[in-house]
Structure formats: C-alpha cells, structure tokens
N, C-alpha and C. Protein backbone atom coordinates (compact mmCIF):
# COMPACT_ATOMS: atom_id res chain seq x y z
N MET A 1 -10.79 -18.49 6.83
CA MET A 1 -9.87 -17.52 7.17
C MET A 1 -8.80 -17.20 5.99
N LEU A 2 -8.50 -15.97 6.07
CA LEU A 2 -7.45 -15.55 5.06
C LEU A 2 -6.01 -15.54 5.68
N THR A 3 -4.98 -15.88 4.99
CA THR A 3 -3.73 -15.77 5.49
C THR A 3 -3.39 -14.29 5.50
N PRO A 4 -2.23 -13.94 6.46
CA PRO A 4 -1.97 -12.57 6.50
C PRO A 4 -1.39 -12.01 5.11
N ASP A 5 -0.57 -12.89 4.41
CA ASP A 5 -0.01 -12.34 3.12
C ASP A 5 -1.19 -12.20 2.17
N GLN A 6 -2.08 -13.19 2.11
CA GLN A 6 -3.35 -13.05 1.30
C GLN A 6 -4.17 -11.74 1.56
N PHE A 7 -4.44 -11.50 2.85
CA PHE A 7 -5.24 -10.33 3.29
C PHE A 7 -4.55 -9.17 2.84
N THR A 8 -3.22 -8.99 3.20
CA THR A 8 -2.57 -7.73 3.06
C THR A 8 -2.38 -7.51 1.36
N ALA A 9 -2.20 -8.39 0.48
CA ALA A 9 -2.14 -8.15 -0.85
C ALA A 9 -3.29 -7.68 -1.34
N PHE A 10 -4.31 -8.45 -0.95
CA PHE A 10 -5.77 -8.00 -1.42
C PHE A 10 -6.21 -6.75 -0.83
N LEU A 11 -5.89 -6.41 0.33
CA LEU A 11 -6.30 -5.10 0.78
C LEU A 11 -5.73 -3.98 0.01
N PHE A 12 -4.46 -4.11 -0.20
CA PHE A 12 -3.66 -3.28 -0.96
C PHE A 12 -4.41 -2.95 -2.34
N ALA A 13 -4.54 -4.06 -3.09
CA ALA A 13 -5.22 -3.96 -4.41
C ALA A 13 -6.52 -3.36 -4.39
N ALA A 14 -7.29 -3.77 -3.35
CA ALA A 14 -8.71 -3.34 -3.16
C ALA A 14 -8.75 -1.83 -2.91
N VAL A 15 -7.82 -1.32 -2.01
CA VAL A 15 -7.97 0.11 -1.83
C VAL A 15 -7.57 0.88 -3.06
N LEU A 16 -6.53 0.26 -3.65
CA LEU A 16 -6.19 1.09 -5.03
C LEU A 16 -7.18 1.12 -5.95
N VAL A 17 -7.98 0.01 -6.12
CA VAL A 17 -9.09 -0.03 -7.05
C VAL A 17 -10.28 1.06 -6.65
N THR A 18 -10.52 1.07 -5.34
CA THR A 18 -11.62 1.87 -4.91
C THR A 18 -11.20 3.42 -5.01
N ALA A 19 -9.87 3.64 -4.81
CA ALA A 19 -9.53 5.01 -4.81
C ALA A 19 -9.31 5.58 -6.19
N THR A 20 -9.06 4.71 -7.04
CA THR A 20 -9.00 5.15 -8.66
C THR A 20 -10.34 5.93 -9.00
N PRO A 21 -10.28 7.03 -9.60
CA PRO A 21 -11.44 7.86 -9.92
C PRO A 21 -12.32 6.95 -10.89
N GLY A 22 -13.55 6.87 -10.65
CA GLY A 22 -14.48 6.07 -11.31
C GLY A 22 -15.89 6.65 -11.03
N PRO A 23 -17.02 6.04 -11.74
CA PRO A 23 -18.31 6.60 -11.53
C PRO A 23 -18.77 6.63 -10.12
N ASP A 24 -18.48 5.60 -9.34
CA ASP A 24 -18.92 5.61 -8.00
C ASP A 24 -18.40 6.59 -7.11
N ASN A 25 -17.02 6.66 -7.12
CA ASN A 25 -16.47 7.74 -6.20
C ASN A 25 -16.64 9.03 -6.70
N LEU A 26 -16.80 9.29 -8.05
CA LEU A 26 -17.08 10.63 -8.48
C LEU A 26 -18.45 11.11 -8.13
N MET A 27 -19.33 10.06 -8.05
CA MET A 27 -20.64 10.57 -7.75
C MET A 27 -20.73 10.75 -6.23
N VAL A 28 -20.01 10.19 -5.44
CA VAL A 28 -19.96 10.36 -3.84
C VAL A 28 -19.39 11.83 -3.79
N LEU A 29 -18.33 12.03 -4.36
CA LEU A 29 -17.65 13.22 -4.33
C LEU A 29 -18.54 14.39 -4.86
N GLY A 30 -19.17 14.26 -5.77
CA GLY A 30 -20.15 15.23 -6.26
C GLY A 30 -21.18 15.59 -5.30
N LEU A 31 -21.86 14.52 -4.72
CA LEU A 31 -22.89 14.64 -3.83
C LEU A 31 -22.34 15.31 -2.64
N GLY A 32 -21.31 14.95 -2.06
CA GLY A 32 -20.77 15.44 -0.88
C GLY A 32 -20.41 16.93 -0.98
N MET A 33 -20.00 17.41 -2.15
CA MET A 33 -19.61 18.77 -2.52
C MET A 33 -20.85 19.57 -2.47
N SER A 34 -21.88 19.03 -3.36
CA SER A 34 -23.08 19.89 -3.68
C SER A 34 -24.19 19.86 -2.69
N LYS A 35 -24.40 18.57 -2.05
CA LYS A 35 -25.51 18.44 -1.04
C LYS A 35 -25.13 18.29 0.53
N GLY A 36 -23.93 17.96 0.70
CA GLY A 36 -23.43 17.94 2.13
C GLY A 36 -22.77 16.62 2.38
N ARG A 37 -22.11 16.57 3.66
CA ARG A 37 -21.48 15.46 4.04
C ARG A 37 -22.36 14.21 4.16
N ARG A 38 -23.52 14.30 4.86
CA ARG A 38 -24.35 13.21 5.12
C ARG A 38 -24.85 12.59 3.71
N GLN A 39 -25.15 13.44 2.75
CA GLN A 39 -25.70 12.78 1.57
C GLN A 39 -24.56 12.05 0.85
N GLY A 40 -23.34 12.60 0.84
CA GLY A 40 -22.12 11.88 0.26
C GLY A 40 -21.94 10.55 0.85
N MET A 41 -21.85 10.65 2.31
CA MET A 41 -21.46 9.45 3.00
C MET A 41 -22.56 8.36 2.93
N VAL A 42 -23.87 8.75 2.80
CA VAL A 42 -24.83 7.66 2.82
C VAL A 42 -24.93 6.95 1.28
N PHE A 43 -24.69 7.78 0.33
CA PHE A 43 -24.60 7.31 -1.11
C PHE A 43 -23.51 6.45 -1.16
N GLY A 44 -22.33 6.76 -0.55
CA GLY A 44 -21.09 6.00 -0.60
C GLY A 44 -21.26 4.65 0.01
N LEU A 45 -21.93 4.75 1.21
CA LEU A 45 -22.26 3.54 1.91
C LEU A 45 -23.02 2.40 1.15
N GLY A 46 -24.03 3.16 0.51
CA GLY A 46 -24.96 2.20 -0.31
C GLY A 46 -24.15 1.69 -1.43
N CYS A 47 -23.19 2.42 -2.07
CA CYS A 47 -22.28 1.81 -3.12
C CYS A 47 -21.54 0.63 -2.69
N ALA A 48 -21.03 0.88 -1.45
CA ALA A 48 -20.19 -0.26 -0.93
C ALA A 48 -20.90 -1.48 -0.59
N VAL A 49 -21.98 -1.33 -0.03
CA VAL A 49 -23.02 -2.51 0.29
C VAL A 49 -23.37 -3.21 -0.91
N GLY A 50 -23.48 -2.46 -2.04
CA GLY A 50 -23.88 -3.19 -3.22
C GLY A 50 -22.93 -4.11 -3.83
N CYS A 51 -21.61 -4.00 -3.27
CA CYS A 51 -20.65 -5.03 -3.64
C CYS A 51 -20.85 -6.39 -3.13
N LEU A 52 -21.73 -6.44 -2.12
CA LEU A 52 -22.14 -7.83 -1.53
C LEU A 52 -22.78 -8.75 -2.41
N SER A 53 -23.69 -7.97 -3.33
CA SER A 53 -24.43 -8.73 -4.36
C SER A 53 -23.44 -9.38 -5.42
N HIS A 54 -22.50 -8.69 -5.69
CA HIS A 54 -21.49 -9.17 -6.68
C HIS A 54 -20.74 -10.38 -6.04
N THR A 55 -20.34 -10.07 -4.77
CA THR A 55 -19.69 -11.22 -3.99
C THR A 55 -20.45 -12.46 -4.03
N ALA A 56 -21.71 -12.45 -3.77
CA ALA A 56 -22.50 -13.49 -3.71
C ALA A 56 -22.58 -14.38 -5.11
N LEU A 57 -22.68 -13.51 -6.09
CA LEU A 57 -22.80 -14.08 -7.44
C LEU A 57 -21.41 -14.72 -7.74
N ALA A 58 -20.27 -14.07 -7.26
CA ALA A 58 -19.02 -14.68 -7.55
C ALA A 58 -18.83 -16.01 -6.86
N VAL A 59 -19.26 -16.00 -5.59
CA VAL A 59 -19.14 -17.31 -4.67
C VAL A 59 -20.01 -18.38 -5.41
N LEU A 60 -21.16 -18.09 -5.90
CA LEU A 60 -22.04 -19.07 -6.41
C LEU A 60 -21.45 -19.59 -7.75
N GLY A 61 -20.94 -18.57 -8.55
CA GLY A 61 -20.32 -19.00 -9.83
C GLY A 61 -19.13 -19.81 -9.72
N VAL A 62 -18.21 -19.43 -8.94
CA VAL A 62 -17.09 -20.24 -8.70
C VAL A 62 -17.42 -21.57 -8.06
N SER A 63 -18.34 -21.69 -7.07
CA SER A 63 -18.60 -23.00 -6.64
C SER A 63 -19.32 -23.87 -7.67
N ALA A 64 -19.97 -23.37 -8.52
CA ALA A 64 -20.54 -24.21 -9.49
C ALA A 64 -19.50 -24.67 -10.54
N LEU A 65 -18.51 -23.81 -10.87
CA LEU A 65 -17.41 -24.27 -11.62
C LEU A 65 -16.56 -25.34 -11.09
N ILE A 66 -16.22 -25.25 -9.86
CA ILE A 66 -15.35 -26.20 -9.10
C ILE A 66 -16.21 -27.52 -8.97
N ALA A 67 -17.46 -27.34 -8.78
CA ALA A 67 -18.32 -28.70 -8.65
C ALA A 67 -18.30 -29.40 -10.20
N ALA A 68 -18.31 -28.52 -11.15
CA ALA A 68 -18.15 -29.05 -12.51
C ALA A 68 -16.98 -29.61 -12.92
N SER A 69 -15.94 -28.82 -12.72
CA SER A 69 -14.61 -29.19 -13.21
C SER A 69 -13.56 -28.29 -12.69
N PRO A 70 -12.52 -28.74 -12.05
CA PRO A 70 -11.31 -27.98 -11.72
C PRO A 70 -10.71 -27.27 -12.73
N VAL A 71 -10.86 -27.91 -13.98
CA VAL A 71 -10.20 -27.29 -15.21
C VAL A 71 -11.06 -26.00 -15.58
N ALA A 72 -12.34 -26.02 -15.43
CA ALA A 72 -13.24 -24.88 -15.70
C ALA A 72 -12.82 -23.71 -14.73
N PHE A 73 -12.39 -24.03 -13.40
CA PHE A 73 -12.15 -23.06 -12.61
C PHE A 73 -10.83 -22.45 -12.92
N THR A 74 -9.96 -23.28 -13.43
CA THR A 74 -8.52 -22.76 -14.03
C THR A 74 -8.75 -21.84 -15.21
N ALA A 75 -9.73 -22.34 -16.00
CA ALA A 75 -10.12 -21.39 -17.15
C ALA A 75 -10.64 -20.13 -16.82
N LEU A 76 -11.40 -19.98 -15.67
CA LEU A 76 -12.10 -18.86 -15.19
C LEU A 76 -10.90 -17.86 -14.71
N LYS A 77 -9.91 -18.53 -14.07
CA LYS A 77 -8.89 -17.59 -13.46
C LYS A 77 -8.07 -17.27 -14.53
N THR A 78 -7.69 -17.94 -15.65
CA THR A 78 -6.98 -17.49 -16.60
C THR A 78 -7.68 -16.35 -17.52
N GLY A 79 -9.12 -16.58 -17.72
CA GLY A 79 -9.81 -15.59 -18.42
C GLY A 79 -9.94 -14.29 -17.62
N GLY A 80 -10.03 -14.55 -16.32
CA GLY A 80 -10.00 -13.32 -15.34
C GLY A 80 -8.77 -12.49 -15.49
N GLY A 81 -7.54 -13.29 -15.62
CA GLY A 81 -6.25 -12.67 -15.78
C GLY A 81 -6.28 -11.83 -16.97
N LEU A 82 -6.72 -12.36 -18.14
CA LEU A 82 -6.66 -11.57 -19.40
C LEU A 82 -7.56 -10.29 -19.29
N TYR A 83 -8.70 -10.51 -18.64
CA TYR A 83 -9.63 -9.35 -18.45
C TYR A 83 -8.94 -8.27 -17.59
N LEU A 84 -8.35 -8.72 -16.50
CA LEU A 84 -7.61 -7.75 -15.67
C LEU A 84 -6.49 -7.05 -16.44
N MET A 85 -5.87 -7.77 -17.34
CA MET A 85 -4.78 -7.11 -18.11
C MET A 85 -5.40 -6.11 -19.05
N TRP A 86 -6.60 -6.45 -19.63
CA TRP A 86 -7.29 -5.47 -20.52
C TRP A 86 -7.61 -4.21 -19.71
N LEU A 87 -8.21 -4.38 -18.54
CA LEU A 87 -8.60 -3.22 -17.70
C LEU A 87 -7.26 -2.48 -17.35
N GLY A 88 -6.22 -3.04 -17.10
CA GLY A 88 -4.94 -2.37 -16.87
C GLY A 88 -4.63 -1.69 -18.07
N TRP A 89 -4.77 -2.12 -19.31
CA TRP A 89 -4.26 -1.38 -20.41
C TRP A 89 -5.08 -0.25 -20.64
N GLN A 90 -6.38 -0.22 -20.46
CA GLN A 90 -7.33 0.71 -20.52
C GLN A 90 -6.97 1.99 -19.56
N ALA A 91 -6.70 1.36 -18.29
CA ALA A 91 -6.31 2.52 -17.27
C ALA A 91 -5.00 3.04 -17.57
N LEU A 92 -4.06 2.35 -18.28
CA LEU A 92 -2.75 3.04 -18.55
C LEU A 92 -2.96 4.12 -19.63
N ARG A 93 -3.98 3.91 -20.42
CA ARG A 93 -4.21 4.84 -21.61
C ARG A 93 -5.11 6.00 -21.08
N SER A 94 -5.71 5.93 -20.00
CA SER A 94 -6.58 6.92 -19.61
C SER A 94 -6.05 8.32 -19.39
N ARG A 95 -6.71 9.26 -19.67
CA ARG A 95 -6.27 10.61 -19.59
C ARG A 95 -7.02 11.33 -18.26
N GLY A 96 -7.47 10.35 -17.41
CA GLY A 96 -8.20 10.99 -16.28
C GLY A 96 -9.61 10.78 -16.11
N PRO A 97 -10.34 11.00 -15.03
CA PRO A 97 -11.77 10.69 -14.96
C PRO A 97 -12.60 11.62 -15.70
N THR A 98 -13.83 11.41 -16.21
CA THR A 98 -14.71 12.19 -16.86
C THR A 98 -15.74 12.43 -15.81
N PRO A 99 -16.22 13.70 -15.60
CA PRO A 99 -17.31 14.06 -14.76
C PRO A 99 -18.57 13.06 -14.98
N VAL A 100 -18.95 12.74 -13.82
CA VAL A 100 -20.40 11.82 -13.84
C VAL A 100 -21.59 12.63 -13.55
N PRO A 101 -22.60 12.88 -14.45
CA PRO A 101 -23.78 13.88 -14.07
C PRO A 101 -24.60 12.94 -13.20
N GLY A 102 -25.37 13.72 -12.38
CA GLY A 102 -26.42 13.12 -11.68
C GLY A 102 -26.53 13.70 -10.23
N ALA A 103 -25.42 14.12 -9.69
CA ALA A 103 -25.50 14.58 -8.31
C ALA A 103 -26.62 15.53 -8.04
N SER A 104 -26.59 16.51 -8.98
CA SER A 104 -27.62 17.56 -8.95
C SER A 104 -28.93 17.13 -8.98
N ALA A 105 -29.30 15.98 -9.42
CA ALA A 105 -30.52 15.59 -9.50
C ALA A 105 -31.12 15.01 -8.15
N MET A 106 -30.35 14.95 -7.23
CA MET A 106 -30.75 14.34 -6.00
C MET A 106 -30.84 15.37 -4.87
N ASP A 107 -31.43 16.50 -5.19
CA ASP A 107 -31.63 17.63 -4.31
C ASP A 107 -32.34 17.29 -2.89
N ASP A 108 -33.40 16.70 -2.96
CA ASP A 108 -34.15 16.60 -1.80
C ASP A 108 -34.42 14.99 -1.47
N THR A 109 -33.69 14.20 -2.08
CA THR A 109 -33.79 12.79 -1.80
C THR A 109 -33.55 12.33 -0.29
N PRO A 110 -34.60 11.66 0.22
CA PRO A 110 -34.29 11.28 1.60
C PRO A 110 -33.07 10.35 1.76
N LEU A 111 -32.47 10.29 3.04
CA LEU A 111 -31.27 9.54 3.00
C LEU A 111 -31.40 8.12 2.80
N GLY A 112 -32.58 7.52 3.31
CA GLY A 112 -32.85 6.21 3.11
C GLY A 112 -32.89 5.73 1.63
N ARG A 113 -33.54 6.68 0.86
CA ARG A 113 -33.53 6.44 -0.54
C ARG A 113 -32.27 6.68 -1.24
N LEU A 114 -31.51 7.56 -0.83
CA LEU A 114 -30.29 7.87 -1.32
C LEU A 114 -29.28 6.64 -1.13
N PHE A 115 -29.42 5.88 0.03
CA PHE A 115 -28.62 4.77 0.31
C PHE A 115 -28.89 3.70 -0.70
N LEU A 116 -30.24 3.47 -0.93
CA LEU A 116 -30.76 2.47 -1.82
C LEU A 116 -30.35 2.71 -3.30
N LYS A 117 -30.28 4.09 -3.68
CA LYS A 117 -29.89 4.46 -4.97
C LYS A 117 -28.37 4.03 -5.11
N GLY A 118 -27.59 4.39 -4.16
CA GLY A 118 -26.13 3.93 -4.17
C GLY A 118 -25.96 2.38 -4.35
N MET A 119 -26.78 1.76 -3.47
CA MET A 119 -26.58 0.30 -3.56
C MET A 119 -27.13 -0.41 -4.87
N LEU A 120 -28.17 0.13 -5.33
CA LEU A 120 -28.72 -0.39 -6.60
C LEU A 120 -27.72 -0.02 -7.84
N ALA A 121 -27.27 1.23 -7.72
CA ALA A 121 -26.47 1.65 -8.87
C ALA A 121 -25.18 0.79 -8.95
N ASN A 122 -24.63 0.18 -7.87
CA ASN A 122 -23.55 -0.59 -7.85
C ASN A 122 -23.98 -2.11 -8.15
N ALA A 123 -25.10 -2.64 -7.55
CA ALA A 123 -25.63 -3.87 -7.70
C ALA A 123 -26.01 -4.32 -8.97
N ILE A 124 -26.55 -3.34 -9.89
CA ILE A 124 -27.16 -3.65 -11.20
C ILE A 124 -26.10 -3.50 -12.32
N ASN A 125 -24.95 -2.96 -11.81
CA ASN A 125 -23.84 -2.57 -12.91
C ASN A 125 -23.22 -3.89 -13.36
N PRO A 126 -23.42 -4.48 -14.63
CA PRO A 126 -22.78 -5.66 -15.06
C PRO A 126 -21.33 -5.70 -15.08
N LYS A 127 -20.71 -4.44 -15.41
CA LYS A 127 -19.29 -4.35 -15.30
C LYS A 127 -18.60 -4.55 -14.02
N VAL A 128 -19.35 -4.16 -12.94
CA VAL A 128 -18.85 -4.54 -11.48
C VAL A 128 -18.87 -5.92 -11.33
N GLY A 129 -19.96 -6.53 -11.76
CA GLY A 129 -20.03 -7.96 -11.57
C GLY A 129 -18.98 -8.72 -12.29
N LEU A 130 -18.79 -8.40 -13.55
CA LEU A 130 -17.60 -9.02 -14.27
C LEU A 130 -16.25 -8.79 -13.64
N PHE A 131 -16.03 -7.65 -13.13
CA PHE A 131 -14.97 -7.31 -12.45
C PHE A 131 -14.67 -8.21 -11.25
N PHE A 132 -15.72 -8.28 -10.44
CA PHE A 132 -15.68 -9.23 -9.11
C PHE A 132 -15.39 -10.55 -9.60
N LEU A 133 -15.97 -11.15 -10.45
CA LEU A 133 -15.82 -12.45 -10.99
C LEU A 133 -14.44 -12.78 -11.41
N SER A 134 -13.79 -11.74 -12.04
CA SER A 134 -12.42 -11.84 -12.59
C SER A 134 -11.32 -11.47 -11.36
N PHE A 135 -11.67 -10.54 -10.40
CA PHE A 135 -10.63 -10.09 -9.55
C PHE A 135 -10.58 -10.88 -8.34
N LEU A 136 -11.70 -11.33 -7.72
CA LEU A 136 -11.59 -12.08 -6.37
C LEU A 136 -10.88 -13.28 -6.54
N PRO A 137 -11.11 -14.21 -7.58
CA PRO A 137 -10.41 -15.53 -7.60
C PRO A 137 -9.01 -15.43 -7.79
N GLN A 138 -8.46 -14.20 -8.24
CA GLN A 138 -7.01 -14.21 -8.34
C GLN A 138 -6.24 -14.27 -6.94
N PHE A 139 -6.99 -13.97 -5.87
CA PHE A 139 -6.42 -14.06 -4.48
C PHE A 139 -6.68 -15.24 -3.83
N VAL A 140 -7.37 -16.30 -4.44
CA VAL A 140 -7.74 -17.44 -3.79
C VAL A 140 -6.39 -18.46 -3.74
N ALA A 141 -6.06 -18.93 -2.38
CA ALA A 141 -5.06 -19.73 -2.20
C ALA A 141 -5.56 -21.21 -2.32
N LYS A 142 -5.20 -22.04 -3.42
CA LYS A 142 -5.87 -23.28 -3.68
C LYS A 142 -5.61 -24.30 -2.52
N ASP A 143 -4.62 -24.16 -1.70
CA ASP A 143 -4.25 -25.03 -0.69
C ASP A 143 -4.70 -24.58 0.70
N HIS A 144 -5.62 -23.60 0.74
CA HIS A 144 -6.04 -22.94 2.02
C HIS A 144 -7.69 -23.04 2.10
N GLY A 145 -8.11 -24.08 2.04
CA GLY A 145 -9.46 -24.36 2.15
C GLY A 145 -10.36 -23.98 0.98
N SER A 146 -11.64 -23.93 1.27
CA SER A 146 -12.70 -23.62 0.34
C SER A 146 -12.43 -22.43 -0.56
N ALA A 147 -12.54 -22.53 -1.88
CA ALA A 147 -12.26 -21.38 -2.64
C ALA A 147 -13.52 -20.46 -2.58
N ALA A 148 -14.60 -20.98 -2.45
CA ALA A 148 -15.90 -20.08 -2.25
C ALA A 148 -15.83 -19.43 -1.22
N GLY A 149 -15.48 -20.12 0.05
CA GLY A 149 -15.27 -19.34 1.28
C GLY A 149 -14.31 -18.28 1.27
N GLN A 150 -13.21 -18.53 0.69
CA GLN A 150 -12.23 -17.33 0.55
C GLN A 150 -12.82 -16.21 -0.21
N ILE A 151 -13.32 -16.57 -1.36
CA ILE A 151 -13.99 -15.43 -2.17
C ILE A 151 -14.96 -14.61 -1.33
N GLY A 152 -15.92 -15.32 -0.54
CA GLY A 152 -16.79 -14.65 0.30
C GLY A 152 -15.99 -13.69 1.23
N ALA A 153 -14.93 -14.16 1.84
CA ALA A 153 -14.22 -13.30 2.78
C ALA A 153 -13.49 -12.23 2.12
N LEU A 154 -13.06 -12.43 0.87
CA LEU A 154 -12.35 -11.38 0.05
C LEU A 154 -13.51 -10.39 -0.32
N GLY A 155 -14.65 -10.77 -0.53
CA GLY A 155 -15.65 -9.86 -0.79
C GLY A 155 -16.06 -9.04 0.25
N LEU A 156 -16.15 -9.56 1.52
CA LEU A 156 -16.43 -8.88 2.52
C LEU A 156 -15.39 -7.77 2.94
N VAL A 157 -14.04 -8.25 2.83
CA VAL A 157 -13.02 -7.17 2.90
C VAL A 157 -13.13 -6.08 1.97
N PHE A 158 -13.42 -6.36 0.71
CA PHE A 158 -13.60 -5.25 -0.27
C PHE A 158 -14.65 -4.38 0.09
N THR A 159 -15.83 -4.96 0.49
CA THR A 159 -16.97 -4.17 0.92
C THR A 159 -16.71 -3.27 2.19
N LEU A 160 -15.96 -3.76 3.06
CA LEU A 160 -15.68 -2.94 4.25
C LEU A 160 -14.73 -1.81 3.95
N GLN A 161 -13.76 -2.05 3.17
CA GLN A 161 -12.70 -0.98 2.90
C GLN A 161 -13.33 0.05 1.84
N ALA A 162 -14.27 -0.37 1.12
CA ALA A 162 -15.05 0.64 0.34
C ALA A 162 -15.89 1.35 1.00
N ALA A 163 -16.48 0.83 2.18
CA ALA A 163 -17.40 1.68 2.95
C ALA A 163 -16.57 2.75 3.72
N VAL A 164 -15.46 2.39 4.13
CA VAL A 164 -14.45 3.39 4.78
C VAL A 164 -14.10 4.37 3.87
N LEU A 165 -13.48 4.07 2.73
CA LEU A 165 -13.06 4.94 1.79
C LEU A 165 -14.10 5.90 1.25
N PHE A 166 -15.30 5.23 0.94
CA PHE A 166 -16.43 6.08 0.23
C PHE A 166 -16.98 7.00 1.39
N GLY A 167 -17.04 6.48 2.58
CA GLY A 167 -17.52 7.30 3.67
C GLY A 167 -16.66 8.53 4.00
N ALA A 168 -15.33 8.20 3.90
CA ALA A 168 -14.54 9.38 4.19
C ALA A 168 -14.48 10.28 3.07
N LEU A 169 -14.53 9.88 1.84
CA LEU A 169 -14.61 10.78 0.67
C LEU A 169 -15.97 11.59 0.80
N GLY A 170 -16.93 11.10 1.22
CA GLY A 170 -18.30 11.94 1.29
C GLY A 170 -18.02 13.00 2.34
N TYR A 171 -17.46 12.39 3.48
CA TYR A 171 -17.20 13.49 4.65
C TYR A 171 -16.31 14.62 4.23
N PHE A 172 -15.21 14.20 3.49
CA PHE A 172 -14.20 15.37 3.17
C PHE A 172 -14.36 15.70 1.80
N ALA A 173 -15.51 15.73 1.24
CA ALA A 173 -15.77 15.93 -0.16
C ALA A 173 -15.33 17.34 -0.61
N GLY A 174 -15.65 18.33 0.19
CA GLY A 174 -15.34 19.64 -0.07
C GLY A 174 -13.79 19.90 -0.33
N ARG A 175 -13.04 19.36 0.68
CA ARG A 175 -11.59 19.61 0.73
C ARG A 175 -11.02 18.84 -0.45
N VAL A 176 -11.46 17.48 -0.57
CA VAL A 176 -10.88 16.66 -1.59
C VAL A 176 -11.22 17.32 -3.10
N GLY A 177 -12.41 17.86 -3.21
CA GLY A 177 -12.75 18.31 -4.55
C GLY A 177 -11.73 19.46 -4.82
N GLN A 178 -11.58 20.41 -3.81
CA GLN A 178 -10.65 21.54 -4.05
C GLN A 178 -9.25 21.19 -4.29
N TRP A 179 -8.74 20.07 -3.63
CA TRP A 179 -7.35 19.53 -3.75
C TRP A 179 -7.28 18.98 -5.27
N LEU A 180 -8.22 18.18 -5.65
CA LEU A 180 -8.22 17.59 -7.02
C LEU A 180 -8.26 18.65 -8.04
N ALA A 181 -9.14 19.71 -7.80
CA ALA A 181 -9.13 20.67 -8.84
C ALA A 181 -7.82 21.47 -9.01
N ARG A 182 -7.08 21.55 -7.89
CA ARG A 182 -5.67 22.20 -8.00
C ARG A 182 -4.63 21.27 -8.65
N ARG A 183 -4.92 19.94 -8.59
CA ARG A 183 -4.09 18.94 -9.16
C ARG A 183 -4.67 18.10 -10.14
N PRO A 184 -5.06 18.54 -11.26
CA PRO A 184 -5.66 17.69 -12.31
C PRO A 184 -4.87 16.44 -12.73
N GLN A 185 -3.58 16.50 -12.60
CA GLN A 185 -2.83 15.41 -13.00
C GLN A 185 -2.78 14.33 -12.08
N VAL A 186 -3.42 14.33 -10.88
CA VAL A 186 -3.38 13.21 -9.85
C VAL A 186 -4.33 12.05 -10.49
N GLY A 187 -5.46 12.43 -11.08
CA GLY A 187 -6.39 11.48 -11.48
C GLY A 187 -5.61 10.47 -12.58
N PRO A 188 -4.96 10.99 -13.58
CA PRO A 188 -4.23 10.07 -14.57
C PRO A 188 -3.20 9.32 -13.90
N TRP A 189 -2.53 9.79 -12.89
CA TRP A 189 -1.32 8.96 -12.38
C TRP A 189 -2.02 7.92 -11.43
N LEU A 190 -3.21 8.08 -10.73
CA LEU A 190 -3.84 6.99 -10.02
C LEU A 190 -4.26 5.83 -10.95
N ASP A 191 -4.74 6.36 -12.19
CA ASP A 191 -5.11 5.39 -13.22
C ASP A 191 -3.86 4.44 -13.68
N ARG A 192 -2.76 5.06 -13.74
CA ARG A 192 -1.57 4.40 -14.17
C ARG A 192 -1.00 3.51 -13.22
N VAL A 193 -1.13 3.89 -11.90
CA VAL A 193 -0.71 2.93 -10.89
C VAL A 193 -1.75 1.77 -10.80
N ALA A 194 -3.01 1.94 -10.83
CA ALA A 194 -3.93 0.89 -10.90
C ALA A 194 -3.86 -0.05 -12.07
N GLY A 195 -3.48 0.83 -13.18
CA GLY A 195 -3.26 -0.07 -14.46
C GLY A 195 -2.16 -1.04 -14.31
N GLY A 196 -0.95 -0.49 -13.76
CA GLY A 196 0.07 -1.39 -13.62
C GLY A 196 -0.25 -2.56 -12.59
N VAL A 197 -0.89 -2.30 -11.52
CA VAL A 197 -1.26 -3.53 -10.65
C VAL A 197 -2.12 -4.37 -11.46
N PHE A 198 -3.15 -4.04 -12.17
CA PHE A 198 -4.09 -4.88 -12.91
C PHE A 198 -3.25 -5.69 -14.00
N MET A 199 -2.41 -5.09 -14.58
CA MET A 199 -1.61 -5.78 -15.57
C MET A 199 -0.66 -6.83 -14.89
N ALA A 200 -0.10 -6.62 -13.74
CA ALA A 200 0.73 -7.43 -13.14
C ALA A 200 0.01 -8.67 -12.59
N LEU A 201 -1.26 -8.39 -11.94
CA LEU A 201 -2.13 -9.48 -11.43
C LEU A 201 -2.62 -10.33 -12.66
N GLY A 202 -2.98 -9.75 -13.78
CA GLY A 202 -3.53 -10.56 -14.90
C GLY A 202 -2.30 -11.35 -15.52
N LEU A 203 -1.09 -10.76 -15.69
CA LEU A 203 -0.02 -11.51 -16.27
C LEU A 203 0.43 -12.75 -15.45
N ARG A 204 0.36 -12.57 -14.08
CA ARG A 204 0.79 -13.56 -13.23
C ARG A 204 -0.21 -14.73 -13.41
N LEU A 205 -1.48 -14.49 -13.66
CA LEU A 205 -2.38 -15.44 -13.67
C LEU A 205 -2.32 -16.18 -15.08
N VAL A 206 -1.94 -15.55 -16.00
CA VAL A 206 -1.95 -16.08 -17.43
C VAL A 206 -0.64 -16.83 -17.60
N VAL A 207 0.43 -16.49 -17.08
CA VAL A 207 1.76 -17.32 -17.16
C VAL A 207 1.85 -18.46 -16.14
N ALA A 208 1.07 -18.31 -15.17
CA ALA A 208 1.30 -19.41 -14.03
C ALA A 208 0.66 -20.63 -14.55
N ARG A 209 1.27 -21.75 -13.99
CA ARG A 209 0.77 -23.09 -14.38
C ARG A 209 -0.14 -23.55 -13.19
C-alpha cells in the first residue's frame, strides 16, 4: 500500500506528466478531432494500458537490482534523478509541442485494432520505458515495505490516471483542440511547469544521501 503523502505527491506529478503535450496525447487529440470521440477514447485507453508493460519491466529491473546490491538500487535512483533533470531542462527549453502525424491514416481502423495500436505504440517506445525506470523509483519509500511492490502500485496509479485523462481528451477533443488553437501559449507553459517538477524531483534525488 502507498502512504497518503506518497500517493498524493505521485498523482500530482503523474497528472502533470500526462497532461504535458506529447506524442500520445497529441495523437489522441488528433484522432478525436478528425475521426470522432470513440476513436480518440479507444486509442487513448490503449496508450494508457501500454504503461503496464513498462511498469512490469520497472518492477523486474528494480527487484533484480535490490537482490544484487542495495548500492546498485541507490545508483539507479541517482541516475534516474539525473535523467529527470535532463528531461526537465529539455522541457524548460521547449517552444511547445510539434504536430504528430498519423491520425488521418486511421480512417476506417476497427476500434479493437485502434486500441491495440495505442497500446503497442506506448509499449514498444523505449523512451517511455526509460522514463518509467527513472520516474517510478523516485517515489519509493524505503521504510514502507517492498520497493518492487510500491513500484507496481505506482505504475497502476499512473495507468489509471492516464486512462482517465486520455479518455477525457478523446471525448472532448473538438473543444480542447479549438481551445488550444486559440491559446498557442498554453503548450509551452505546461512544458515549463512539468520541467520545473522534473528538475526538482531529479535534484532531490541527486543531493539526497
């Protein structure tokens, strides 16, 4: 089980990460706007479910490191902190999202196949896997039971909130797209907020003993 503080802090960071414009949510938005609510929602749910594969790999990887050496696990968290700081710096420098092509290529794709496309697009993305391996351990409380169990629970929380946000994005895609089109400055500011959170998380892990 996660502590209330642990859950709240992680949920805030996870929602911010999911809401920041990126390939997944831009594709969900594009599909919802061009093909309809159901298509956007189904693809978004597939993307969210794909997070479970990265959670499983993170659990197995962390478990192996803990079995090998606690020092190795500390090294993983420190390395993950540096990686999050790098992601934060990239986000702070971002000028906003770039359009992601591909939505128009799914004209008549059945919903089941669309779900699988979203799931596979997320599951086979090595950048997402590296992000999970760096991000999830940052919220592990070392004195609160199994680290692998906590990472599994954190991954499930991330997947559930992503399913809610992606589903809502697909459902309200038309309105969201029009709102963003009138406010092009929103994307860069979301990137800056997310970048600040990443930098803070990473710095905490790098300087902590």
